[in-house]
Amino acid sequence: MVDNAVLIAIITAVGTIVCGLVSAVMANRVTVYKIEALTKEVEKHNKVIERTFALEQKVEDMDDRLVRVENSK
């Protein structure tokens, strides 16, 4: 027959292992969610940078055209 102390120790160990596994899975889910959210934010930021660069190029082109028009007068 198994001693009560041994049985309690086994139950406690199993409970600890299960809680540890559940905690690890939940932490992993939170981490994955945060990484996905950050990835979306970085993509938005990169799009803004690309659009800003395109606008800067257009402004430069317009400045060059304006200078050419002013010089042709």
PDB file of N, CA and C in Angstrom:
ATOM      1  N   MET A   1       0.836  -1.178   0.000  1.00  0.00           N
ATOM      2  CA  MET A   1       0.000   0.000   0.000  1.00  0.00           C
ATOM      3  C   MET A   1       0.882   1.243   0.000  1.00  0.00           C
ATOM      4  N   VAL A   2       0.423   2.272  -0.757  1.00  0.00           N
ATOM      5  CA  VAL A   2       1.185   3.513  -0.886  1.00  0.00           C
ATOM      6  C   VAL A   2       0.890   4.399   0.317  1.00  0.00           C
ATOM      7  N   ASP A   3       1.957   4.945   0.852  1.00  0.00           N
ATOM      8  CA  ASP A   3       1.840   5.843   1.999  1.00  0.00           C
ATOM      9  C   ASP A   3       1.130   7.138   1.576  1.00  0.00           C
ATOM     10  N   ASN A   4       0.360   7.744   2.460  1.00  0.00           N
ATOM     11  CA  ASN A   4      -0.372   8.986   2.160  1.00  0.00           C
ATOM     12  C   ASN A   4       0.569  10.116   1.745  1.00  0.00           C
ATOM     13  N   ALA A   5       1.706  10.210   2.378  1.00  0.00           N
ATOM     14  CA  ALA A   5       2.660  11.272   2.065  1.00  0.00           C
ATOM     15  C   ALA A   5       3.176  11.122   0.634  1.00  0.00           C
ATOM     16  N   VAL A   6       3.434   9.879   0.216  1.00  0.00           N
ATOM     17  CA  VAL A   6       3.912   9.637  -1.141  1.00  0.00           C
ATOM     18  C   VAL A   6       2.814   9.983  -2.142  1.00  0.00           C
ATOM     19  N   LEU A   7       1.590   9.590  -1.860  1.00  0.00           N
ATOM     20  CA  LEU A   7       0.460   9.897  -2.738  1.00  0.00           C
ATOM     21  C   LEU A   7       0.257  11.400  -2.875  1.00  0.00           C
ATOM     22  N   ILE A   8       0.342  12.107  -1.776  1.00  0.00           N
ATOM     23  CA  ILE A   8       0.206  13.564  -1.810  1.00  0.00           C
ATOM     24  C   ILE A   8       1.346  14.185  -2.621  1.00  0.00           C
ATOM     25  N   ALA A   9       2.542  13.673  -2.455  1.00  0.00           N
ATOM     26  CA  ALA A   9       3.693  14.186  -3.209  1.00  0.00           C
ATOM     27  C   ALA A   9       3.513  13.955  -4.706  1.00  0.00           C
ATOM     28  N   ILE A  10       3.014  12.795  -5.076  1.00  0.00           N
ATOM     29  CA  ILE A  10       2.780  12.487  -6.489  1.00  0.00           C
ATOM     30  C   ILE A  10       1.709  13.419  -7.067  1.00  0.00           C
ATOM     31  N   ILE A  11       0.619  13.600  -6.344  1.00  0.00           N
ATOM     32  CA  ILE A  11      -0.463  14.483  -6.800  1.00  0.00           C
ATOM     33  C   ILE A  11       0.042  15.917  -6.928  1.00  0.00           C
ATOM     34  N   THR A  12       0.832  16.351  -5.968  1.00  0.00           N
ATOM     35  CA  THR A  12       1.392  17.704  -6.004  1.00  0.00           C
ATOM     36  C   THR A  12       2.326  17.870  -7.205  1.00  0.00           C
ATOM     37  N   ALA A  13       3.146  16.865  -7.458  1.00  0.00           N
ATOM     38  CA  ALA A  13       4.073  16.937  -8.585  1.00  0.00           C
ATOM     39  C   ALA A  13       3.313  16.992  -9.911  1.00  0.00           C
ATOM     40  N   VAL A  14       2.292  16.169 -10.043  1.00  0.00           N
ATOM     41  CA  VAL A  14       1.493  16.174 -11.270  1.00  0.00           C
ATOM     42  C   VAL A  14       0.809  17.535 -11.439  1.00  0.00           C
ATOM     43  N   GLY A  15       0.256  18.065 -10.372  1.00  0.00           N
ATOM     44  CA  GLY A  15      -0.393  19.381 -10.429  1.00  0.00           C
ATOM     45  C   GLY A  15       0.583  20.475 -10.820  1.00  0.00           C
ATOM     46  N   THR A  16       1.776  20.422 -10.266  1.00  0.00           N
ATOM     47  CA  THR A  16       2.801  21.412 -10.588  1.00  0.00           C
ATOM     48  C   THR A  16       3.202  21.329 -12.060  1.00  0.00           C
ATOM     49  N   ILE A  17       3.382  20.118 -12.548  1.00  0.00           N
ATOM     50  CA  ILE A  17       3.757  19.930 -13.952  1.00  0.00           C
ATOM     51  C   ILE A  17       2.649  20.440 -14.874  1.00  0.00           C
ATOM     52  N   VAL A  18       1.406  20.098 -14.582  1.00  0.00           N
ATOM     53  CA  VAL A  18       0.278  20.537 -15.408  1.00  0.00           C
ATOM     54  C   VAL A  18       0.175  22.058 -15.396  1.00  0.00           C
ATOM     55  N   CYS A  19       0.267  22.664 -14.214  1.00  0.00           N
ATOM     56  CA  CYS A  19       0.196  24.127 -14.131  1.00  0.00           C
ATOM     57  C   CYS A  19       1.352  24.777 -14.882  1.00  0.00           C
ATOM     58  N   GLY A  20       2.525  24.207 -14.790  1.00  0.00           N
ATOM     59  CA  GLY A  20       3.679  24.739 -15.512  1.00  0.00           C
ATOM     60  C   GLY A  20       3.481  24.673 -17.012  1.00  0.00           C
ATOM     61  N   LEU A  21       2.957  23.561 -17.496  1.00  0.00           N
ATOM     62  CA  LEU A  21       2.705  23.419 -18.931  1.00  0.00           C
ATOM     63  C   LEU A  21       1.636  24.394 -19.417  1.00  0.00           C
ATOM     64  N   VAL A  22       0.562  24.521 -18.663  1.00  0.00           N
ATOM     65  CA  VAL A  22      -0.508  25.456 -19.036  1.00  0.00           C
ATOM     66  C   VAL A  22       0.032  26.880 -19.041  1.00  0.00           C
ATOM     67  N   SER A  23       0.813  27.217 -18.051  1.00  0.00           N
ATOM     68  CA  SER A  23       1.395  28.554 -17.969  1.00  0.00           C
ATOM     69  C   SER A  23       2.317  28.818 -19.154  1.00  0.00           C
ATOM     70  N   ALA A  24       3.117  27.850 -19.529  1.00  0.00           N
ATOM     71  CA  ALA A  24       4.032  28.011 -20.664  1.00  0.00           C
ATOM     72  C   ALA A  24       3.262  28.190 -21.966  1.00  0.00           C
ATOM     73  N   VAL A  25       2.204  27.435 -22.154  1.00  0.00           N
ATOM     74  CA  VAL A  25       1.390  27.547 -23.369  1.00  0.00           C
ATOM     75  C   VAL A  25       0.729  28.922 -23.439  1.00  0.00           C
ATOM     76  N   MET A  26       0.193  29.386 -22.330  1.00  0.00           N
ATOM     77  CA  MET A  26      -0.458  30.694 -22.305  1.00  0.00           C
ATOM     78  C   MET A  26       0.555  31.805 -22.569  1.00  0.00           C
ATOM     79  N   ALA A  27       1.723  31.710 -21.975  1.00  0.00           N
ATOM     80  CA  ALA A  27       2.768  32.715 -22.195  1.00  0.00           C
ATOM     81  C   ALA A  27       3.193  32.716 -23.660  1.00  0.00           C
ATOM     82  N   ASN A  28       3.271  31.543 -24.260  1.00  0.00           N
ATOM     83  CA  ASN A  28       3.629  31.448 -25.669  1.00  0.00           C
ATOM     84  C   ASN A  28       2.570  32.114 -26.542  1.00  0.00           C
ATOM     85  N   ARG A  29       1.316  31.900 -26.233  1.00  0.00           N
ATOM     86  CA  ARG A  29       0.236  32.521 -27.006  1.00  0.00           C
ATOM     87  C   ARG A  29       0.302  34.038 -26.919  1.00  0.00           C
ATOM     88  N   VAL A  30       0.552  34.556 -25.722  1.00  0.00           N
ATOM     89  CA  VAL A  30       0.655  36.003 -25.539  1.00  0.00           C
ATOM     90  C   VAL A  30       1.840  36.539 -26.333  1.00  0.00           C
ATOM     91  N   THR A  31       2.951  35.839 -26.282  1.00  0.00           N
ATOM     92  CA  THR A  31       4.140  36.269 -27.021  1.00  0.00           C
ATOM     93  C   THR A  31       3.879  36.283 -28.514  1.00  0.00           C
ATOM     94  N   VAL A  32       3.255  35.249 -29.023  1.00  0.00           N
ATOM     95  CA  VAL A  32       2.944  35.185 -30.460  1.00  0.00           C
ATOM     96  C   VAL A  32       2.001  36.322 -30.835  1.00  0.00           C
ATOM     97  N   TYR A  33       0.998  36.592 -30.016  1.00  0.00           N
ATOM     98  CA  TYR A  33       0.055  37.678 -30.288  1.00  0.00           C
ATOM     99  C   TYR A  33       0.786  39.018 -30.340  1.00  0.00           C
ATOM    100  N   LYS A  34       1.664  39.259 -29.385  1.00  0.00           N
ATOM    101  CA  LYS A  34       2.396  40.523 -29.344  1.00  0.00           C
ATOM    102  C   LYS A  34       3.324  40.656 -30.551  1.00  0.00           C
ATOM    103  N   ILE A  35       3.974  39.579 -30.938  1.00  0.00           N
ATOM    104  CA  ILE A  35       4.855  39.624 -32.103  1.00  0.00           C
ATOM    105  C   ILE A  35       4.052  39.940 -33.358  1.00  0.00           C
ATOM    106  N   GLU A  36       2.880  39.333 -33.504  1.00  0.00           N
ATOM    107  CA  GLU A  36       2.034  39.613 -34.670  1.00  0.00           C
ATOM    108  C   GLU A  36       1.577  41.068 -34.675  1.00  0.00           C
ATOM    109  N   ALA A  37       1.213  41.596 -33.506  1.00  0.00           N
ATOM    110  CA  ALA A  37       0.785  42.988 -33.415  1.00  0.00           C
ATOM    111  C   ALA A  37       1.937  43.924 -33.776  1.00  0.00           C
ATOM    112  N   LEU A  38       3.128  43.628 -33.278  1.00  0.00           N
ATOM    113  CA  LEU A  38       4.283  44.454 -33.605  1.00  0.00           C
ATOM    114  C   LEU A  38       4.629  44.369 -35.086  1.00  0.00           C
ATOM    115  N   THR A  39       4.482  43.201 -35.668  1.00  0.00           N
ATOM    116  CA  THR A  39       4.741  43.038 -37.102  1.00  0.00           C
ATOM    117  C   THR A  39       3.801  43.916 -37.915  1.00  0.00           C
ATOM    118  N   LYS A  40       2.532  43.957 -37.533  1.00  0.00           N
ATOM    119  CA  LYS A  40       1.566  44.808 -38.229  1.00  0.00           C
ATOM    120  C   LYS A  40       1.946  46.279 -38.099  1.00  0.00           C
ATOM    121  N   GLU A  41       2.380  46.683 -36.909  1.00  0.00           N
ATOM    122  CA  GLU A  41       2.779  48.076 -36.705  1.00  0.00           C
ATOM    123  C   GLU A  41       4.000  48.431 -37.544  1.00  0.00           C
ATOM    124  N   VAL A  42       4.950  47.520 -37.634  1.00  0.00           N
ATOM    125  CA  VAL A  42       6.146  47.761 -38.440  1.00  0.00           C
ATOM    126  C   VAL A  42       5.769  47.877 -39.913  1.00  0.00           C
ATOM    127  N   GLU A  43       4.853  47.043 -40.370  1.00  0.00           N
ATOM    128  CA  GLU A  43       4.410  47.118 -41.764  1.00  0.00           C
ATOM    129  C   GLU A  43       3.749  48.465 -42.047  1.00  0.00           C
ATOM    130  N   LYS A  44       2.918  48.951 -41.126  1.00  0.00           N
ATOM    131  CA  LYS A  44       2.298  50.264 -41.289  1.00  0.00           C
ATOM    132  C   LYS A  44       3.366  51.346 -41.352  1.00  0.00           C
ATOM    133  N   HIS A  45       4.326  51.264 -40.464  1.00  0.00           N
ATOM    134  CA  HIS A  45       5.408  52.245 -40.426  1.00  0.00           C
ATOM    135  C   HIS A  45       6.190  52.242 -41.738  1.00  0.00           C
ATOM    136  N   ASN A  46       6.504  51.065 -42.227  1.00  0.00           N
ATOM    137  CA  ASN A  46       7.261  50.961 -43.479  1.00  0.00           C
ATOM    138  C   ASN A  46       6.486  51.556 -44.645  1.00  0.00           C
ATOM    139  N   LYS A  47       5.169  51.361 -44.658  1.00  0.00           N
ATOM    140  CA  LYS A  47       4.354  51.949 -45.721  1.00  0.00           C
ATOM    141  C   LYS A  47       4.398  53.468 -45.651  1.00  0.00           C
ATOM    142  N   VAL A  48       4.361  54.010 -44.443  1.00  0.00           N
ATOM    143  CA  VAL A  48       4.434  55.463 -44.282  1.00  0.00           C
ATOM    144  C   VAL A  48       5.784  55.978 -44.775  1.00  0.00           C
ATOM    145  N   ILE A  49       6.842  55.274 -44.450  1.00  0.00           N
ATOM    146  CA  ILE A  49       8.181  55.673 -44.901  1.00  0.00           C
ATOM    147  C   ILE A  49       8.243  55.651 -46.427  1.00  0.00           C
ATOM    148  N   GLU A  50       7.709  54.606 -47.038  1.00  0.00           N
ATOM    149  CA  GLU A  50       7.712  54.510 -48.500  1.00  0.00           C
ATOM    150  C   GLU A  50       6.920  55.654 -49.123  1.00  0.00           C
ATOM    151  N   ARG A  51       5.771  55.962 -48.551  1.00  0.00           N
ATOM    152  CA  ARG A  51       4.956  57.048 -49.081  1.00  0.00           C
ATOM    153  C   ARG A  51       5.660  58.391 -48.907  1.00  0.00           C
ATOM    154  N   THR A  52       6.305  58.580 -47.767  1.00  0.00           N
ATOM    155  CA  THR A  52       7.042  59.820 -47.523  1.00  0.00           C
ATOM    156  C   THR A  52       8.172  59.977 -48.532  1.00  0.00           C
ATOM    157  N   PHE A  53       8.887  58.902 -48.795  1.00  0.00           N
ATOM    158  CA  PHE A  53       9.969  58.946 -49.774  1.00  0.00           C
ATOM    159  C   PHE A  53       9.434  59.318 -51.151  1.00  0.00           C
ATOM    160  N   ALA A  54       8.306  58.725 -51.531  1.00  0.00           N
ATOM    161  CA  ALA A  54       7.707  59.025 -52.839  1.00  0.00           C
ATOM    162  C   ALA A  54       7.291  60.502 -52.905  1.00  0.00           C
ATOM    163  N   LEU A  55       6.734  61.021 -51.822  1.00  0.00           N
ATOM    164  CA  LEU A  55       6.344  62.432 -51.799  1.00  0.00           C
ATOM    165  C   LEU A  55       7.561  63.345 -51.891  1.00  0.00           C
ATOM    166  N   GLU A  56       8.628  62.981 -51.203  1.00  0.00           N
ATOM    167  CA  GLU A  56       9.851  63.780 -51.264  1.00  0.00           C
ATOM    168  C   GLU A  56      10.402  63.808 -52.687  1.00  0.00           C
ATOM    169  N   GLN A  57      10.344  62.672 -53.377  1.00  0.00           N
ATOM    170  CA  GLN A  57      10.800  62.621 -54.768  1.00  0.00           C
ATOM    171  C   GLN A  57       9.952  63.534 -55.645  1.00  0.00           C
ATOM    172  N   LYS A  58       8.632  63.519 -55.441  1.00  0.00           N
ATOM    173  CA  LYS A  58       7.739  64.379 -56.227  1.00  0.00           C
ATOM    174  C   LYS A  58       8.033  65.846 -55.960  1.00  0.00           C
ATOM    175  N   VAL A  59       8.267  66.201 -54.718  1.00  0.00           N
ATOM    176  CA  VAL A  59       8.576  67.590 -54.377  1.00  0.00           C
ATOM    177  C   VAL A  59       9.887  68.006 -55.042  1.00  0.00           C
ATOM    178  N   GLU A  60      10.886  67.143 -55.002  1.00  0.00           N
ATOM    179  CA  GLU A  60      12.156  67.449 -55.675  1.00  0.00           C
ATOM    180  C   GLU A  60      11.942  67.654 -57.172  1.00  0.00           C
ATOM    181  N   ASP A  61      11.175  66.789 -57.797  1.00  0.00           N
ATOM    182  CA  ASP A  61      10.891  66.920 -59.223  1.00  0.00           C
ATOM    183  C   ASP A  61      10.168  68.237 -59.513  1.00  0.00           C
ATOM    184  N   MET A  62       9.210  68.585 -58.676  1.00  0.00           N
ATOM    185  CA  MET A  62       8.474  69.837 -58.857  1.00  0.00           C
ATOM    186  C   MET A  62       9.403  71.034 -58.668  1.00  0.00           C
ATOM    187  N   ASP A  63      10.296  70.975 -57.702  1.00  0.00           N
ATOM    188  CA  ASP A  63      11.260  72.058 -57.500  1.00  0.00           C
ATOM    189  C   ASP A  63      12.150  72.218 -58.725  1.00  0.00           C
ATOM    190  N   ASP A  64      12.618  71.102 -59.260  1.00  0.00           N
ATOM    191  CA  ASP A  64      13.461  71.154 -60.453  1.00  0.00           C
ATOM    192  C   ASP A  64      12.702  71.764 -61.634  1.00  0.00           C
ATOM    193  N   ARG A  65      11.458  71.360 -61.804  1.00  0.00           N
ATOM    194  CA  ARG A  65      10.643  71.907 -62.891  1.00  0.00           C
ATOM    195  C   ARG A  65      10.417  73.400 -62.701  1.00  0.00           C
ATOM    196  N   LEU A  66      10.172  73.813 -61.466  1.00  0.00           N
ATOM    197  CA  LEU A  66       9.955  75.226 -61.180  1.00  0.00           C
ATOM    198  C   LEU A  66      11.210  76.030 -61.490  1.00  0.00           C
ATOM    199  N   VAL A  67      12.362  75.511 -61.102  1.00  0.00           N
ATOM    200  CA  VAL A  67      13.621  76.193 -61.393  1.00  0.00           C
ATOM    201  C   VAL A  67      13.815  76.311 -62.901  1.00  0.00           C
ATOM    202  N   ARG A  68      13.516  75.262 -63.649  1.00  0.00           N
ATOM    203  CA  ARG A  68      13.663  75.305 -65.111  1.00  0.00           C
ATOM    204  C   ARG A  68      12.707  76.325 -65.725  1.00  0.00           C
ATOM    205  N   VAL A  69      11.485  76.381 -65.210  1.00  0.00           N
ATOM    206  CA  VAL A  69      10.498  77.344 -65.737  1.00  0.00           C
ATOM    207  C   VAL A  69      10.955  78.761 -65.434  1.00  0.00           C
ATOM    208  N   GLU A  70      11.424  78.986 -64.214  1.00  0.00           N
ATOM    209  CA  GLU A  70      11.871  80.330 -63.840  1.00  0.00           C
ATOM    210  C   GLU A  70      13.097  80.742 -64.656  1.00  0.00           C
ATOM    211  N   ASN A  71      13.992  79.800 -64.931  1.00  0.00           N
ATOM    212  CA  ASN A  71      15.194  80.113 -65.692  1.00  0.00           C
ATOM    213  C   ASN A  71      14.906  80.334 -67.161  1.00  0.00           C
ATOM    214  N   SER A  72      13.827  79.787 -67.671  1.00  0.00           N
ATOM    215  CA  SER A  72      13.512  79.923 -69.093  1.00  0.00           C
ATOM    216  C   SER A  72      12.871  81.270 -69.405  1.00  0.00           C
ATOM    217  N   LYS A  73      12.480  82.004 -68.400  1.00  0.00           N
ATOM    218  CA  LYS A  73      11.834  83.308 -68.625  1.00  0.00           C
ATOM    219  C   LYS A  73      12.832  84.361 -69.005  1.00  0.00           C
TER     220      LYS A  73
END
